């Protein structure tokens, strides 16, 4: 290991422990690397511009704007009522509704924190009112919110494809659909057994005419994933064009049909979109600089040799363990841009399909959002419920364990991720 690389690692770890913003951490750590290694400092702006100049990155602000408009447009109520119409008669109804709503919401927003903040603001108080233990209500919300970045469209997966190359964004979207649905089902099964044990309340069974009524009410919101995914997979849109079409649809829906969003609300919506998008794109640029330093040190080549002698099942197991541990401490966006270009080529060399390893890496990092000590969704849900981060984790670990079970299944059974992409020619 060179002195320059060692200085980068030491600087990065120190700044990470001190709570320094991750994007500036990456820039400063790479700056130290360049100085120690006697490389030109102009590499930082050059590589940052290269990392932020991808056409596919335009999809990020459009998808974030779509989510903002749908949240402000009060579309969530129709989605939760639709899910409740079909699962509300089962014990633990509200917890099941939370998981189902997060799955549908993930096909609209694609951001875990946005799901947690929007759905949690009214579902958590409802669960507490019905007698759910606060830590269980918080844990359900935290674990269910992980479905957002897995169910396409996913900002995390867009960043992954841009950073590693050789992976189709549309293809990885298709590869993630079945794992997202299975993860939702696994969480629901665990919730059902906990609800039976704790005798949690259920709602009255809704007749089919009323179910049809709730479906029609939710249809405008449900049509948005059809526009996004149908347009992409039908060859009508590119991912970036689909994001713009989705934003336009959400604008018309929230401004004209529901009329919940007023003209005076738009500056705040655009500002929130700009701040979130800026954070993601700045992170993409900063991580590209660090990725250059890692490539310059030929870390992939150094790791590929020894790992080529490791059985594939052992490599994948070590990969899962390492990424979940990483997710406990590091932001998922930064992790996917920094670690993706290192891990993906090694997996390719071992014969793992690019789409499968992409989903494995992204799901691992998403699970890290709900693991202590720095899982971000734990810090979002805990104040809503009035419990500690530790209590939120205690309430949600059974659902988190079910999600890890699905992760292992998609790790060792490739058809789970590859069947849909192959059907569409990816």
Protein backbone atom coordinates (compact mmCIF):
# COMPACT_ATOMS: atom_id res chain seq x y z
CA UNK A 1 0.00 0.00 0.00
CA UNK A 2 1.42 3.39 -1.00
CA UNK A 3 1.81 6.27 1.45
CA UNK A 4 -0.65 8.32 -0.62
CA UNK A 5 -3.36 5.66 -0.40
CA UNK A 6 -2.76 5.21 3.32
CA UNK A 7 -3.12 8.95 3.84
CA UNK A 8 -6.43 8.90 1.93
CA UNK A 9 -7.81 6.07 4.07
CA UNK A 10 -6.67 7.62 7.37
CA UNK A 11 -8.07 11.04 6.45
CA UNK A 12 -11.37 9.53 5.28
CA UNK A 13 -11.85 7.46 8.47
CA UNK A 14 -11.02 10.38 10.77
CA UNK A 15 -13.42 12.72 9.00
CA UNK A 16 -16.12 10.00 8.87
CA UNK A 17 -15.89 9.42 12.64
CA UNK A 18 -16.00 13.17 13.27
CA UNK A 19 -19.26 13.47 11.32
CA UNK A 20 -17.85 15.54 8.44
CA UNK A 21 -20.29 15.68 5.45
CA UNK A 22 -19.50 12.70 3.26
CA UNK A 23 -19.19 14.60 -0.05
CA UNK A 24 -16.65 17.05 1.37
CA UNK A 25 -14.96 14.17 3.18
CA UNK A 26 -14.33 12.45 -0.15
CA UNK A 27 -13.03 15.65 -1.76
CA UNK A 28 -10.71 16.52 1.14
CA UNK A 29 -9.42 12.94 1.51
CA UNK A 30 -8.62 12.78 -2.19
CA UNK A 31 -6.97 16.22 -1.97
CA UNK A 32 -4.64 14.81 0.71
CA UNK A 33 -3.97 11.81 -1.56
CA UNK A 34 -3.06 14.04 -4.49
CA UNK A 35 -0.77 16.23 -2.37
CA UNK A 36 1.03 13.28 -0.76
CA UNK A 37 1.29 11.45 -4.08
CA UNK A 38 2.47 14.61 -5.89
CA UNK A 39 -0.40 14.54 -8.40
CA UNK A 40 -1.87 17.73 -9.94
CA UNK A 41 -4.67 19.25 -7.83
CA UNK A 42 -6.53 20.14 -11.04
CA UNK A 43 -7.63 16.50 -11.17
CA UNK A 44 -10.28 17.30 -8.54
CA UNK A 45 -12.37 19.78 -10.61
CA UNK A 46 -11.76 17.79 -13.79
CA UNK A 47 -12.98 14.50 -12.33
CA UNK A 48 -15.82 16.13 -10.41
CA UNK A 49 -17.14 17.70 -13.61
CA UNK A 50 -16.83 14.37 -15.39
CA UNK A 51 -18.78 12.64 -12.60
CA UNK A 52 -21.58 15.22 -12.61
CA UNK A 53 -21.85 15.58 -16.39
CA UNK A 54 -23.68 12.31 -17.15
CA UNK A 55 -26.95 12.65 -19.09
CA UNK A 56 -28.57 9.92 -16.98
CA UNK A 57 -28.05 12.07 -13.86
CA UNK A 58 -30.76 14.41 -15.17
CA UNK A 59 -33.23 11.73 -14.10
CA UNK A 60 -32.35 12.35 -10.44
CA UNK A 61 -33.90 15.85 -10.03
CA UNK A 62 -36.94 14.85 -12.11
CA UNK A 63 -37.66 11.78 -9.97
CA UNK A 64 -37.14 13.80 -6.79
CA UNK A 65 -39.49 16.51 -8.11
CA UNK A 66 -42.06 13.84 -8.94
CA UNK A 67 -41.92 12.55 -5.38
CA UNK A 68 -42.22 16.06 -3.93
CA UNK A 69 -45.29 16.81 -6.04
CA UNK A 70 -46.97 13.52 -5.15
CA UNK A 71 -46.30 14.01 -1.45
CA UNK A 72 -47.50 17.64 -1.42
CA UNK A 73 -50.42 16.69 -3.64
CA UNK A 74 -51.88 14.51 -0.88
CA UNK A 75 -51.79 11.39 -3.05
CA UNK A 76 -50.64 9.19 -0.17
CA UNK A 77 -54.08 8.89 1.43
CA UNK A 78 -55.56 7.24 -1.65
CA UNK A 79 -52.66 4.74 -1.76
CA UNK A 80 -52.98 3.76 1.91
CA UNK A 81 -56.78 3.45 1.59
CA UNK A 82 -56.30 1.20 -1.45
CA UNK A 83 -53.87 -1.09 0.41
CA UNK A 84 -56.11 -1.09 3.50
CA UNK A 85 -59.09 -2.19 1.38
CA UNK A 86 -57.30 -5.47 0.61
CA UNK A 87 -55.30 -6.25 3.77
CA UNK A 88 -57.12 -4.22 6.42
CA UNK A 89 -59.13 -7.22 7.69
CA UNK A 90 -55.93 -9.05 8.67
CA UNK A 91 -54.58 -8.69 12.22
CA UNK A 92 -51.93 -6.00 12.39
CA UNK A 93 -53.69 -4.17 9.55
CA UNK A 94 -51.98 -0.78 9.88
CA UNK A 95 -48.50 -2.30 9.97
CA UNK A 96 -49.32 -4.29 6.83
CA UNK A 97 -50.72 -1.15 5.20
CA UNK A 98 -47.45 0.62 6.01
CA UNK A 99 -45.42 -2.03 4.16
CA UNK A 100 -47.79 -2.16 1.18
CA UNK A 101 -47.93 1.63 0.90
CA UNK A 102 -44.13 1.86 1.01
CA UNK A 103 -43.91 -0.63 -1.85
CA UNK A 104 -46.26 1.41 -4.03
CA UNK A 105 -44.68 4.66 -2.88
CA UNK A 106 -41.28 3.30 -3.86
CA UNK A 107 -42.48 3.07 -7.46
CA UNK A 108 -43.17 6.82 -7.29
CA UNK A 109 -40.50 8.38 -5.07
CA UNK A 110 -37.54 5.95 -4.90
CA UNK A 111 -36.04 7.57 -1.78
CA UNK A 112 -36.14 5.94 1.67
CA UNK A 113 -36.02 9.18 3.67
CA UNK A 114 -38.81 10.77 1.59
CA UNK A 115 -41.02 7.71 2.19
CA UNK A 116 -40.27 7.71 5.89
CA UNK A 117 -41.00 11.39 6.35
CA UNK A 118 -44.18 11.44 4.25
CA UNK A 119 -45.87 8.16 5.16
CA UNK A 120 -44.57 8.07 8.73
CA UNK A 121 -46.03 11.47 9.54
CA UNK A 122 -49.57 10.08 9.53
CA UNK A 123 -49.22 6.27 9.71
CA UNK A 124 -47.10 6.23 12.89
CA UNK A 125 -49.64 8.33 14.90
CA UNK A 126 -52.43 6.07 13.60
CA UNK A 127 -50.56 2.93 14.75
CA UNK A 128 -49.95 4.44 18.19
CA UNK A 129 -53.63 5.40 18.44
CA UNK A 130 -54.66 1.80 17.71
CA UNK A 131 -52.47 0.51 20.53
CA UNK A 132 -49.26 -0.48 18.76
CA UNK A 133 -46.15 -0.28 20.91
CA UNK A 134 -44.27 2.88 19.90
CA UNK A 135 -41.02 1.01 19.21
CA UNK A 136 -42.84 -1.53 17.01
CA UNK A 137 -44.60 1.22 15.04
CA UNK A 138 -41.28 2.99 14.55
CA UNK A 139 -39.51 -0.25 13.60
CA UNK A 140 -42.17 -1.15 11.03
CA UNK A 141 -41.89 2.26 9.39
CA UNK A 142 -38.09 2.12 9.31
CA UNK A 143 -37.91 -1.36 7.77
CA UNK A 144 -40.76 -0.75 5.31
CA UNK A 145 -39.12 2.44 4.03
CA UNK A 146 -36.26 0.32 2.67
CA UNK A 147 -38.57 -0.78 -0.14
CA UNK A 148 -38.39 2.71 -1.68
CA UNK A 149 -34.80 2.61 -2.98
CA UNK A 150 -35.24 -1.00 -4.20
CA UNK A 151 -38.53 -0.72 -6.07
CA UNK A 152 -37.82 1.11 -9.35
CA UNK A 153 -37.36 3.90 -10.19
CA UNK A 154 -34.42 4.06 -7.79
CA UNK A 155 -31.99 6.97 -7.55
CA UNK A 156 -29.47 4.65 -5.88
CA UNK A 157 -29.52 2.24 -8.83
CA UNK A 158 -29.13 5.09 -11.32
CA UNK A 159 -25.99 6.18 -9.46
CA UNK A 160 -24.73 2.60 -9.40
CA UNK A 161 -25.08 2.17 -13.16
CA UNK A 162 -23.40 5.51 -13.87
CA UNK A 163 -20.47 4.72 -11.55
CA UNK A 164 -19.70 1.13 -12.63
CA UNK A 165 -20.69 1.13 -16.30
CA UNK A 166 -21.57 -2.06 -18.20
CA UNK A 167 -24.99 -2.13 -16.50
CA UNK A 168 -28.26 -0.99 -18.06
CA UNK A 169 -30.41 1.26 -15.86
CA UNK A 170 -33.59 -0.18 -17.37
CA UNK A 171 -32.21 -3.69 -16.90
CA UNK A 172 -31.39 -3.21 -13.22
CA UNK A 173 -34.84 -1.66 -12.68
CA UNK A 174 -36.38 -4.86 -14.03
CA UNK A 175 -34.02 -7.00 -11.95
CA UNK A 176 -35.09 -5.23 -8.74
CA UNK A 177 -38.87 -5.62 -9.10
CA UNK A 178 -39.21 -9.23 -7.88
CA UNK A 179 -36.75 -8.78 -4.95
CA UNK A 180 -38.67 -5.67 -3.83
CA UNK A 181 -42.00 -7.51 -3.91
CA UNK A 182 -40.51 -10.53 -2.09
CA UNK A 183 -39.03 -8.27 0.57
CA UNK A 184 -42.43 -6.65 1.12
CA UNK A 185 -44.08 -10.09 1.39
CA UNK A 186 -41.41 -11.32 3.82
CA UNK A 187 -41.89 -8.28 6.05
CA UNK A 188 -45.67 -8.72 5.95
CA UNK A 189 -45.40 -12.39 6.98
CA UNK A 190 -43.24 -11.47 9.99
CA UNK A 191 -45.64 -8.65 10.93
CA UNK A 192 -48.61 -11.02 10.71
CA UNK A 193 -47.13 -13.47 13.21
CA UNK A 194 -46.11 -10.67 15.58
CA UNK A 195 -49.63 -9.22 15.28
CA UNK A 196 -51.18 -12.59 16.16
CA UNK A 197 -48.87 -12.96 19.14
CA UNK A 198 -49.58 -9.45 20.44
CA UNK A 199 -53.27 -9.48 19.45
CA UNK A 200 -52.95 -6.30 17.41
CA UNK A 201 -56.17 -4.80 16.00
CA UNK A 202 -57.58 -5.34 12.54
CA UNK A 203 -60.18 -3.42 10.54
CA UNK A 204 -63.53 -4.52 9.20
CA UNK A 205 -63.52 -6.50 5.97
CA UNK A 206 -64.37 -4.24 3.03
CA UNK A 207 -66.84 -5.45 0.41
CA UNK A 208 -65.71 -5.78 -3.21
CA UNK A 209 -67.73 -2.76 -4.45
CA UNK A 210 -65.89 -0.60 -1.90
CA UNK A 211 -62.56 -2.17 -2.85
CA UNK A 212 -63.25 -1.24 -6.45
CA UNK A 213 -64.07 2.30 -5.29
CA UNK A 214 -60.74 2.59 -3.45
CA UNK A 215 -58.93 1.22 -6.48
CA UNK A 216 -60.46 3.87 -8.71
CA UNK A 217 -59.52 6.59 -6.21
CA UNK A 218 -55.90 5.36 -6.19
CA UNK A 219 -55.74 4.84 -9.96
CA UNK A 220 -54.20 8.27 -10.77
CA UNK A 221 -51.33 7.55 -8.36
CA UNK A 222 -50.98 3.93 -9.52
CA UNK A 223 -50.81 5.09 -13.12
CA UNK A 224 -47.54 6.93 -12.46
CA UNK A 225 -45.40 3.76 -12.19
CA UNK A 226 -47.08 2.58 -15.39
CA UNK A 227 -45.87 5.74 -17.15
CA UNK A 228 -42.34 5.36 -15.78
CA UNK A 229 -41.76 1.63 -16.06
CA UNK A 230 -44.06 1.00 -19.01
CA UNK A 231 -42.45 3.82 -20.96
CA UNK A 232 -38.93 2.59 -20.24
CA UNK A 233 -39.51 -1.10 -20.85
CA UNK A 234 -41.79 -0.46 -23.80
CA UNK A 235 -39.02 1.43 -25.55
CA UNK A 236 -41.00 4.70 -25.57
CA UNK A 237 -38.72 6.63 -23.20
CA UNK A 238 -35.17 6.57 -22.00
CA UNK A 239 -34.87 6.64 -18.20
CA UNK A 240 -34.21 10.40 -18.27
CA UNK A 241 -37.18 11.07 -20.56
CA UNK A 242 -39.40 8.88 -18.37
CA UNK A 243 -38.41 10.92 -15.31
CA UNK A 244 -39.38 14.15 -17.07
CA UNK A 245 -42.72 12.65 -18.21
CA UNK A 246 -43.39 11.48 -14.64
CA UNK A 247 -42.67 14.96 -13.26
CA UNK A 248 -45.02 16.52 -15.81
CA UNK A 249 -47.77 14.01 -14.94
CA UNK A 250 -47.30 14.59 -11.20
CA UNK A 251 -47.46 18.36 -11.80
CA UNK A 252 -50.78 18.13 -13.66
CA UNK A 253 -52.19 15.63 -11.14
CA UNK A 254 -51.36 17.68 -8.06
CA UNK A 255 -52.12 21.11 -9.57
CA UNK A 256 -55.20 20.40 -11.69
CA UNK A 257 -56.92 17.23 -10.42
CA UNK A 258 -56.31 17.08 -6.67
CA UNK A 259 -55.61 20.84 -6.49
CA UNK A 260 -53.66 20.29 -3.29
CA UNK A 261 -50.57 22.03 -4.65
CA UNK A 262 -50.94 25.78 -5.21
CA UNK A 263 -48.74 28.10 -7.23
CA UNK A 264 -47.40 29.56 -3.99
CA UNK A 265 -46.19 26.07 -2.97
CA UNK A 266 -44.00 25.62 -6.05
CA UNK A 267 -40.97 27.69 -4.90
CA UNK A 268 -40.63 25.56 -1.74
CA UNK A 269 -41.06 22.34 -3.76
CA UNK A 270 -38.45 23.42 -6.30
CA UNK A 271 -36.08 24.47 -3.52
CA UNK A 272 -36.41 21.11 -1.75
CA UNK A 273 -35.86 19.33 -5.07
CA UNK A 274 -32.79 21.44 -5.80
CA UNK A 275 -31.26 20.85 -2.36
CA UNK A 276 -31.78 17.07 -2.48
CA UNK A 277 -30.66 16.80 -6.11
CA UNK A 278 -27.63 18.98 -5.43
CA UNK A 279 -26.61 16.74 -2.56
CA UNK A 280 -26.86 13.61 -4.71
CA UNK A 281 -25.07 15.09 -7.74
CA UNK A 282 -22.33 16.70 -5.64
CA UNK A 283 -21.82 13.32 -4.02
CA UNK A 284 -21.59 11.72 -7.46
CA UNK A 285 -18.90 14.19 -8.47
CA UNK A 286 -16.95 13.86 -5.21
CA UNK A 287 -17.05 10.09 -5.28
CA UNK A 288 -15.82 10.08 -8.88
CA UNK A 289 -12.67 11.85 -7.70
CA UNK A 290 -12.10 9.21 -5.01
CA UNK A 291 -12.90 6.45 -7.48
CA UNK A 292 -10.10 7.80 -9.72
CA UNK A 293 -7.65 7.57 -6.81
CA UNK A 294 -8.74 3.97 -6.14
CA UNK A 295 -8.36 3.07 -9.82
CA UNK A 296 -4.97 4.78 -9.93
CA UNK A 297 -3.80 2.55 -7.07
CA UNK A 298 -5.03 -0.52 -9.03
CA UNK A 299 -6.92 -1.82 -6.01
CA UNK A 300 -9.30 -3.86 -8.17
CA UNK A 301 -6.40 -5.66 -9.80
CA UNK A 302 -4.74 -6.25 -6.43
CA UNK A 303 -7.92 -7.78 -4.98
CA UNK A 304 -8.97 -9.73 -8.08
CA UNK A 305 -5.95 -12.06 -7.94
CA UNK A 306 -6.41 -13.46 -4.41
CA UNK A 307 -10.22 -13.47 -4.68
CA UNK A 308 -10.14 -15.47 -7.92
CA UNK A 309 -9.18 -18.49 -5.83
CA UNK A 310 -12.11 -18.02 -3.42
CA UNK A 311 -15.27 -20.07 -4.11
CA UNK A 312 -18.04 -17.93 -5.55
CA UNK A 313 -20.43 -18.68 -2.66
CA UNK A 314 -17.80 -17.57 -0.14
CA UNK A 315 -17.06 -14.36 -2.08
CA UNK A 316 -20.76 -13.48 -2.20
CA UNK A 317 -21.18 -14.20 1.51
CA UNK A 318 -18.18 -12.01 2.39
CA UNK A 319 -19.53 -9.33 0.06
CA UNK A 320 -22.91 -9.31 1.83
CA UNK A 321 -21.36 -9.19 5.30
CA UNK A 322 -18.91 -6.46 4.33
CA UNK A 323 -21.52 -4.27 2.65
CA UNK A 324 -24.00 -4.55 5.53
CA UNK A 325 -21.24 -3.55 7.97
CA UNK A 326 -20.28 -0.68 5.65
CA UNK A 327 -23.91 0.41 5.52
CA UNK A 328 -23.93 0.82 9.29
CA UNK A 329 -21.43 3.66 9.01
CA UNK A 330 -21.51 5.12 5.50
CA UNK A 331 -24.14 6.77 3.32
CA UNK A 332 -25.61 4.50 0.64
CA UNK A 333 -25.06 6.98 -2.20
CA UNK A 334 -21.39 7.49 -1.35
CA UNK A 335 -20.90 3.77 -0.79
CA UNK A 336 -22.35 2.77 -4.15
CA UNK A 337 -20.18 5.24 -6.07
CA UNK A 338 -16.96 4.44 -4.18
CA UNK A 339 -17.37 0.68 -3.67
CA UNK A 340 -19.35 -0.20 -6.80
CA UNK A 341 -16.43 0.27 -9.23
CA UNK A 342 -14.25 -1.88 -6.94
CA UNK A 343 -16.60 -4.76 -6.19
CA UNK A 344 -18.56 -5.08 -9.44
CA UNK A 345 -15.54 -5.86 -11.71
CA UNK A 346 -14.35 -8.53 -9.26
CA UNK A 347 -17.80 -10.14 -9.29
CA UNK A 348 -17.89 -9.97 -13.10
CA UNK A 349 -14.53 -11.73 -13.25
CA UNK A 350 -15.95 -14.49 -11.03
CA UNK A 351 -18.88 -14.96 -13.42
CA UNK A 352 -21.64 -13.03 -11.64
CA UNK A 353 -24.09 -11.33 -14.00
CA UNK A 354 -23.78 -7.50 -13.97
CA UNK A 355 -27.49 -7.08 -13.24
CA UNK A 356 -27.44 -9.56 -10.36
CA UNK A 357 -24.40 -8.07 -8.64
CA UNK A 358 -25.87 -4.60 -9.10
CA UNK A 359 -29.05 -5.57 -7.24
CA UNK A 360 -27.04 -7.40 -4.54
CA UNK A 361 -24.86 -4.34 -3.87
CA UNK A 362 -27.79 -1.90 -3.84
CA UNK A 363 -30.00 -4.06 -1.58
CA UNK A 364 -27.12 -4.49 0.86
CA UNK A 365 -26.55 -0.76 1.09
CA UNK A 366 -30.27 -0.07 1.46
CA UNK A 367 -30.50 -2.49 4.41
CA UNK A 368 -27.69 -0.48 5.98
CA UNK A 369 -30.05 2.52 6.15
CA UNK A 370 -31.94 0.78 8.99
CA UNK A 371 -28.96 -0.60 10.93
CA UNK A 372 -27.33 1.19 13.87
CA UNK A 373 -25.32 3.17 14.71
CA UNK A 374 -25.81 5.57 11.76
CA UNK A 375 -28.80 4.16 9.84
CA UNK A 376 -30.48 7.33 8.60
CA UNK A 377 -34.09 6.07 8.60
CA UNK A 378 -33.72 5.18 12.28
CA UNK A 379 -33.00 8.84 12.99
CA UNK A 380 -36.01 9.94 10.92
CA UNK A 381 -38.61 7.58 12.42
CA UNK A 382 -37.51 7.70 16.08
CA UNK A 383 -38.47 11.36 16.72
CA UNK A 384 -41.86 10.78 15.06
CA UNK A 385 -42.61 8.04 17.59
CA UNK A 386 -40.85 9.53 20.57
CA UNK A 387 -38.52 6.57 21.11
CA UNK A 388 -34.76 6.14 20.97
CA UNK A 389 -32.88 4.90 17.91
CA UNK A 390 -32.08 1.72 19.83
CA UNK A 391 -35.78 1.09 20.50
CA UNK A 392 -36.62 1.63 16.84
CA UNK A 393 -34.04 -0.99 15.88
CA UNK A 394 -35.38 -3.42 18.52
CA UNK A 395 -38.88 -2.96 17.13
CA UNK A 396 -37.81 -3.44 13.52
CA UNK A 397 -35.14 -6.15 13.65
CA UNK A 398 -37.51 -9.07 12.83
CA UNK A 399 -38.54 -7.33 9.57
CA UNK A 400 -34.91 -6.44 8.91
CA UNK A 401 -33.94 -10.08 9.37
CA UNK A 402 -36.65 -11.11 6.88
CA UNK A 403 -35.20 -8.61 4.39
CA UNK A 404 -31.73 -10.12 4.85
CA UNK A 405 -33.27 -13.53 4.16
CA UNK A 406 -34.55 -12.26 0.81
CA UNK A 407 -31.10 -10.77 0.15
CA UNK A 408 -29.49 -14.19 0.62
CA UNK A 409 -32.10 -15.74 -1.67
CA UNK A 410 -31.41 -13.31 -4.51
CA UNK A 411 -27.65 -13.71 -3.89
CA UNK A 412 -27.62 -17.47 -4.42
CA UNK A 413 -30.53 -17.91 -6.85
CA UNK A 414 -29.79 -15.78 -9.97
CA UNK A 415 -33.18 -16.34 -11.71
CA UNK A 416 -34.78 -14.23 -8.98
CA UNK A 417 -33.12 -11.14 -10.41
CA UNK A 418 -32.49 -12.21 -14.01
CA UNK A 419 -35.83 -13.71 -15.10
CA UNK A 420 -37.61 -10.39 -15.81
CA UNK A 421 -34.62 -8.69 -17.51
CA UNK A 422 -34.07 -11.72 -19.74
CA UNK A 423 -37.75 -11.66 -20.71
CA UNK A 424 -37.30 -8.09 -21.96
CA UNK A 425 -34.01 -8.82 -23.69
CA UNK A 426 -31.55 -7.42 -21.13
